[in-house]
Amino acid sequence: MSWLTSVRNALAYVVPVKKETPDNLWHKCKGCGTMTFVKELEDNLHVCPHCDHHDRIGPLLRFQYVFDAGSYSIVPLAKVPDDPLKFRDTKRYVDRIKAARAATNEGDALITARGTIEGHKAVIGVQDFAFMGGSMGLAVGEAFVRGVEAAIADNCPYIIFTAAGGARMQEGILSLMQMPRATVAIAMLHDAGLPYIVVLTDPTTGGVTASYAMLGDVQIAEPGALIGFAGQRVIEQTIREKLPDGFQRAEYLLEHGMIDMVKHRRDLRATLASLIDYLCSAKQAA
């Protein structure tokens, strides 16, 4: 070993090597591939400033972007069995839930909060695709019903931000039963004369699309959101026809009358406030 190597190794103990840039300084857009400063992306509500690609975001950020500052509080999750069927595939289901909770710091895939949007009371539920693909199981169904009950108690609209791969296979028929449960809860909301507003985010598929995601009084979607029941390849193999590109994207669905509007993330808060004002004023006038 040369004297230079010996000196360098000795200095390594007293002079730490400083990294030129932190690992989380840049973000590569999944839409256009452009590198953007994370701070710039955060300031732009996690929307790419170059191509307007809307990144997926979790409940806490969504609440921060939509509710008035400091106005919201989380509705506690109801206690449901974690593994009602004692399911196991390559891993135990309980282990998958523990891993998802550790990764997201959330109890399950649907988090609900009550607060105000430009002064208007609202209850908002947000599905997090990062939690087992936003899949719908007992906990999601119970959280949805609790959200509707909170809206009825507060005499305000219920707004759901959907993001899901569908029903949670590890809970079998119990997960599928959340579809009619959610439908009945929406009927309760309508019986109380309160609006139900759906904001479809990327992606919204499977049993969630087949139930509460498509039952809104007003259907809004974020730009470019994937919305559908089955995947394009499955549909093409079933009907043996080639489907048009982007037929499950928000803009195509708007053009063909399946949703009411596509709104940029920066405009969602004002849009929801206007809808609440109009729909609740109509209720009071009636």
Protein backbone atom coordinates (compact mmCIF):
# COMPACT_ATOMS: atom_id res chain seq x y z
CA MET A 1 0.00 0.00 0.00
CA SER A 2 1.45 3.39 -1.01
CA TRP A 3 1.77 6.28 1.45
CA LEU A 4 -0.88 8.19 -0.57
CA THR A 5 -3.41 5.41 -0.13
CA SER A 6 -2.67 5.26 3.60
CA VAL A 7 -3.24 9.02 3.99
CA ARG A 8 -6.47 8.88 1.96
CA ASN A 9 -7.85 6.00 4.03
CA ALA A 10 -6.96 7.82 7.26
CA LEU A 11 -8.67 11.00 6.09
CA ALA A 12 -11.83 9.07 5.30
CA TYR A 13 -12.36 8.56 9.05
CA VAL A 14 -12.18 12.26 9.86
CA VAL A 15 -13.46 13.92 6.66
CA PRO A 16 -16.83 12.46 5.60
CA VAL A 17 -17.44 12.24 1.87
CA LYS A 18 -20.16 14.71 1.01
CA LYS A 19 -22.58 13.72 -1.74
CA GLU A 20 -22.92 16.26 -4.51
CA THR A 21 -26.74 16.04 -4.63
CA PRO A 22 -29.36 14.34 -2.44
CA ASP A 23 -31.10 11.27 -3.89
CA ASN A 24 -34.51 12.96 -3.74
CA LEU A 25 -33.62 16.25 -5.43
CA TRP A 26 -34.94 15.29 -8.88
CA HIS A 27 -38.09 13.58 -10.16
CA LYS A 28 -38.39 11.84 -13.53
CA CYS A 29 -41.82 12.36 -15.08
CA LYS A 30 -43.62 9.14 -16.01
CA GLY A 31 -45.39 11.00 -18.80
CA CYS A 32 -42.60 12.74 -20.72
CA GLY A 33 -39.45 11.50 -18.98
CA THR A 34 -38.26 15.03 -18.15
CA MET A 35 -36.28 15.55 -14.95
CA THR A 36 -37.84 18.15 -12.65
CA PHE A 37 -36.77 19.56 -9.30
CA VAL A 38 -38.87 17.88 -6.61
CA LYS A 39 -39.55 21.30 -5.05
CA GLU A 40 -40.88 22.59 -8.38
CA LEU A 41 -43.08 19.50 -8.71
CA GLU A 42 -44.45 19.95 -5.19
CA ASP A 43 -45.18 23.61 -5.84
CA ASN A 44 -47.13 22.50 -8.93
CA LEU A 45 -49.32 20.09 -6.90
CA HIS A 46 -47.35 17.05 -8.16
CA VAL A 47 -48.24 17.82 -11.78
CA CYS A 48 -45.40 17.82 -14.32
CA PRO A 49 -44.73 21.45 -15.37
CA HIS A 50 -43.60 20.23 -18.81
CA CYS A 51 -46.37 17.85 -19.96
CA ASP A 52 -49.11 18.23 -17.28
CA HIS A 53 -48.86 14.57 -16.29
CA HIS A 54 -50.74 14.15 -12.98
CA ASP A 55 -48.74 12.03 -10.55
CA ARG A 56 -50.59 9.78 -8.13
CA ILE A 57 -50.83 11.29 -4.66
CA GLY A 58 -52.01 10.00 -1.29
CA PRO A 59 -54.84 11.11 1.01
CA LEU A 60 -52.90 13.61 3.14
CA LEU A 61 -51.68 15.58 0.12
CA ARG A 62 -55.16 15.43 -1.42
CA PHE A 63 -56.73 16.81 1.75
CA GLN A 64 -54.10 19.54 1.85
CA TYR A 65 -54.83 20.57 -1.76
CA VAL A 66 -58.64 20.51 -1.48
CA PHE A 67 -59.64 21.51 2.05
CA ASP A 68 -59.24 25.00 3.50
CA ALA A 69 -55.98 25.25 5.44
CA GLY A 70 -56.31 23.81 8.95
CA SER A 71 -60.00 23.03 8.53
CA TYR A 72 -60.05 19.26 8.26
CA SER A 73 -59.93 16.34 10.66
CA ILE A 74 -59.56 12.64 9.89
CA VAL A 75 -62.56 10.40 10.46
CA PRO A 76 -61.27 7.40 12.49
CA LEU A 77 -61.17 4.05 10.68
CA ALA A 78 -63.59 1.42 11.89
CA LYS A 79 -62.16 -1.81 13.26
CA VAL A 80 -62.74 -4.73 10.90
CA PRO A 81 -61.12 -8.20 10.75
CA ASP A 82 -57.73 -7.95 9.06
CA ASP A 83 -57.82 -11.44 7.57
CA PRO A 84 -61.37 -12.84 7.69
CA LEU A 85 -60.60 -15.77 5.34
CA LYS A 86 -57.10 -16.62 6.69
CA PHE A 87 -55.86 -16.17 3.13
CA ARG A 88 -52.40 -17.09 1.92
CA ASP A 89 -50.80 -17.05 -1.52
CA THR A 90 -47.04 -16.56 -1.86
CA LYS A 91 -47.32 -14.58 1.39
CA ARG A 92 -49.79 -14.46 4.23
CA TYR A 93 -52.43 -11.78 3.70
CA VAL A 94 -51.79 -10.32 7.17
CA ASP A 95 -48.14 -9.85 6.21
CA ARG A 96 -49.15 -7.97 3.05
CA ILE A 97 -51.37 -5.67 5.11
CA LYS A 98 -48.58 -5.01 7.61
CA ALA A 99 -46.18 -4.17 4.77
CA ALA A 100 -48.71 -1.80 3.18
CA ARG A 101 -49.34 -0.05 6.49
CA ALA A 102 -45.62 0.35 7.11
CA ALA A 103 -45.03 1.72 3.58
CA THR A 104 -47.93 4.23 3.57
CA ASN A 105 -48.40 4.93 7.29
CA GLU A 106 -52.15 4.45 6.72
CA GLY A 107 -54.64 2.00 8.19
CA ASP A 108 -56.07 0.93 4.84
CA ALA A 109 -56.71 2.06 1.27
CA LEU A 110 -59.51 4.59 1.95
CA ILE A 111 -59.04 7.53 4.32
CA THR A 112 -61.86 9.95 5.12
CA ALA A 113 -61.81 13.49 6.48
CA ARG A 114 -64.34 16.23 7.21
CA GLY A 115 -63.63 19.92 6.73
CA THR A 116 -64.47 22.93 4.55
CA ILE A 117 -63.81 23.81 0.90
CA GLU A 118 -63.83 27.58 0.43
CA GLY A 119 -66.06 27.77 3.49
CA HIS A 120 -68.44 24.98 2.40
CA LYS A 121 -68.68 21.91 4.63
CA ALA A 122 -67.75 18.61 2.98
CA VAL A 123 -66.68 15.08 3.81
CA ILE A 124 -64.01 13.66 1.50
CA GLY A 125 -62.83 10.09 1.06
CA VAL A 126 -59.54 9.41 -0.75
CA GLN A 127 -58.35 6.03 -2.00
CA ASP A 128 -54.62 5.49 -2.02
CA PHE A 129 -53.33 3.32 -4.87
CA ALA A 130 -50.07 2.89 -2.94
CA PHE A 131 -51.96 0.78 -0.37
CA MET A 132 -52.34 -2.61 -2.11
CA GLY A 133 -53.44 -0.94 -5.33
CA GLY A 134 -56.25 0.93 -3.57
CA SER A 135 -58.12 -2.38 -3.50
CA MET A 136 -61.59 -2.55 -1.97
CA GLY A 137 -62.05 -4.86 1.00
CA LEU A 138 -63.97 -4.79 4.27
CA ALA A 139 -62.04 -1.79 5.59
CA VAL A 140 -62.62 0.27 2.42
CA GLY A 141 -66.33 -0.57 2.39
CA GLU A 142 -66.68 0.34 6.05
CA ALA A 143 -64.74 3.59 5.55
CA PHE A 144 -67.02 4.51 2.64
CA VAL A 145 -70.17 3.91 4.72
CA ARG A 146 -68.69 5.87 7.66
CA GLY A 147 -67.91 8.73 5.27
CA VAL A 148 -71.51 8.83 4.04
CA GLU A 149 -72.79 8.73 7.63
CA ALA A 150 -70.47 11.62 8.55
CA ALA A 151 -71.76 13.63 5.58
CA ILE A 152 -75.36 13.01 6.62
CA ALA A 153 -74.55 14.00 10.22
CA ASP A 154 -72.84 17.20 8.99
CA ASN A 155 -75.60 17.85 6.39
CA CYS A 156 -73.03 18.23 3.62
CA PRO A 157 -71.92 16.49 0.39
CA TYR A 158 -69.78 13.38 0.27
CA ILE A 159 -66.91 13.54 -2.21
CA ILE A 160 -64.90 10.45 -3.13
CA PHE A 161 -61.53 10.47 -4.91
CA THR A 162 -61.22 7.01 -6.45
CA ALA A 163 -57.99 5.18 -7.28
CA ALA A 164 -58.17 1.41 -7.31
CA GLY A 165 -57.36 -1.81 -9.08
CA GLY A 166 -60.72 -3.23 -7.99
CA ALA A 167 -61.89 -5.62 -5.27
CA ARG A 168 -59.34 -7.20 -2.92
CA MET A 169 -59.01 -10.84 -3.96
CA GLN A 170 -57.69 -11.92 -0.54
CA GLU A 171 -61.13 -11.21 0.97
CA GLY A 172 -63.13 -13.04 -1.70
CA ILE A 173 -66.92 -12.59 -1.62
CA LEU A 174 -66.60 -10.26 1.39
CA SER A 175 -64.81 -7.71 -0.78
CA LEU A 176 -67.44 -8.00 -3.53
CA MET A 177 -70.20 -7.38 -0.97
CA GLN A 178 -68.79 -3.88 -0.47
CA MET A 179 -70.17 -2.94 -3.90
CA PRO A 180 -73.87 -3.21 -2.89
CA ARG A 181 -73.04 -1.79 0.57
CA ALA A 182 -71.63 1.34 -1.03
CA THR A 183 -74.64 1.57 -3.37
CA VAL A 184 -77.04 1.43 -0.41
CA ALA A 185 -74.99 4.10 1.41
CA ILE A 186 -75.27 6.40 -1.63
CA ALA A 187 -79.05 5.87 -1.62
CA MET A 188 -79.06 6.94 2.05
CA LEU A 189 -77.18 10.10 1.08
CA HIS A 190 -79.72 10.85 -1.65
CA ASP A 191 -82.62 10.20 0.75
CA ALA A 192 -81.09 12.92 2.93
CA GLY A 193 -81.07 15.24 -0.10
CA LEU A 194 -77.28 15.54 -0.16
CA PRO A 195 -74.97 15.50 -3.21
CA TYR A 196 -72.56 12.69 -4.01
CA ILE A 197 -69.59 13.84 -6.10
CA VAL A 198 -67.00 11.50 -7.63
CA VAL A 199 -63.49 12.51 -8.71
CA LEU A 200 -61.90 9.75 -10.77
CA THR A 201 -58.12 9.64 -10.55
CA ASP A 202 -55.53 7.38 -12.14
CA PRO A 203 -56.26 4.48 -12.14
CA THR A 204 -59.89 3.62 -11.34
CA THR A 205 -60.76 0.09 -12.44
CA GLY A 206 -62.50 -3.17 -11.55
CA GLY A 207 -65.23 -3.47 -8.94
CA VAL A 208 -64.76 0.11 -7.79
CA THR A 209 -65.66 1.34 -11.29
CA ALA A 210 -68.58 -1.10 -11.31
CA SER A 211 -70.01 0.42 -8.13
CA TYR A 212 -69.55 3.72 -6.33
CA ALA A 213 -67.09 5.26 -8.82
CA MET A 214 -69.82 5.60 -11.47
CA LEU A 215 -72.78 6.59 -9.30
CA GLY A 216 -71.97 10.24 -8.69
CA ASP A 217 -74.43 13.07 -9.18
CA VAL A 218 -71.44 14.72 -10.84
CA GLN A 219 -68.55 12.75 -12.36
CA ILE A 220 -65.21 14.56 -12.57
CA ALA A 221 -61.86 13.13 -13.70
CA GLU A 222 -58.27 14.28 -13.59
CA PRO A 223 -56.54 14.63 -16.99
CA GLY A 224 -55.21 11.39 -18.44
CA ALA A 225 -56.75 9.20 -15.72
CA LEU A 226 -57.20 5.53 -16.66
CA ILE A 227 -60.84 4.61 -16.01
CA GLY A 228 -62.46 1.29 -16.86
CA PHE A 229 -63.59 -2.11 -15.66
CA ALA A 230 -61.42 -4.71 -17.41
CA GLY A 231 -58.10 -4.05 -19.14
CA GLN A 232 -57.91 -3.20 -22.83
CA ARG A 233 -56.21 -6.46 -23.80
CA VAL A 234 -58.85 -8.55 -21.98
CA ILE A 235 -61.68 -6.68 -23.71
CA GLU A 236 -60.05 -7.03 -27.13
CA GLN A 237 -59.57 -10.77 -26.63
CA THR A 238 -63.20 -11.13 -25.52
CA ILE A 239 -64.88 -9.17 -28.34
CA ARG A 240 -62.15 -9.94 -30.91
CA GLU A 241 -61.96 -6.34 -32.04
CA LYS A 242 -59.23 -3.72 -31.93
CA LEU A 243 -60.16 -0.85 -29.64
CA PRO A 244 -59.09 2.78 -30.23
CA ASP A 245 -56.02 4.05 -28.41
CA GLY A 246 -56.82 5.83 -25.17
CA PHE A 247 -60.42 4.61 -25.06
CA GLN A 248 -60.21 4.24 -21.28
CA ARG A 249 -58.67 7.64 -20.64
CA ALA A 250 -60.60 10.51 -19.06
CA GLU A 251 -60.70 12.63 -22.21
CA TYR A 252 -62.20 9.81 -24.31
CA LEU A 253 -64.85 9.12 -21.66
CA LEU A 254 -65.75 12.82 -21.54
CA GLU A 255 -66.10 12.91 -25.33
CA HIS A 256 -68.43 9.89 -25.21
CA GLY A 257 -70.60 11.11 -22.33
CA MET A 258 -69.50 8.80 -19.50
CA ILE A 259 -68.22 11.62 -17.28
CA ASP A 260 -69.21 15.27 -16.87
CA MET A 261 -65.88 17.08 -16.85
CA VAL A 262 -62.10 16.73 -16.82
CA LYS A 263 -60.41 19.16 -14.46
CA HIS A 264 -56.77 19.99 -13.86
CA ARG A 265 -55.66 19.44 -10.26
CA ARG A 266 -55.12 23.15 -9.71
CA ASP A 267 -58.80 23.81 -10.63
CA LEU A 268 -60.37 21.01 -8.57
CA ARG A 269 -60.78 22.93 -5.34
CA ALA A 270 -62.61 25.85 -6.97
CA THR A 271 -64.72 23.46 -9.07
CA LEU A 272 -65.81 21.45 -6.03
CA ALA A 273 -66.63 24.61 -4.09
CA SER A 274 -68.80 25.86 -6.97
CA LEU A 275 -70.59 22.51 -7.25
CA ILE A 276 -71.28 22.36 -3.51
CA ASP A 277 -72.57 25.92 -3.56
CA TYR A 278 -74.88 25.22 -6.49
CA LEU A 279 -76.14 21.79 -5.43
CA CYS A 280 -76.70 22.68 -1.78
CA SER A 281 -78.37 25.97 -2.72
CA ALA A 282 -80.73 24.03 -4.99
CA LYS A 283 -81.55 21.72 -2.07
CA GLN A 284 -82.29 24.65 0.26
CA ALA A 285 -84.46 26.32 -2.41
CA ALA A 286 -86.46 23.10 -2.82
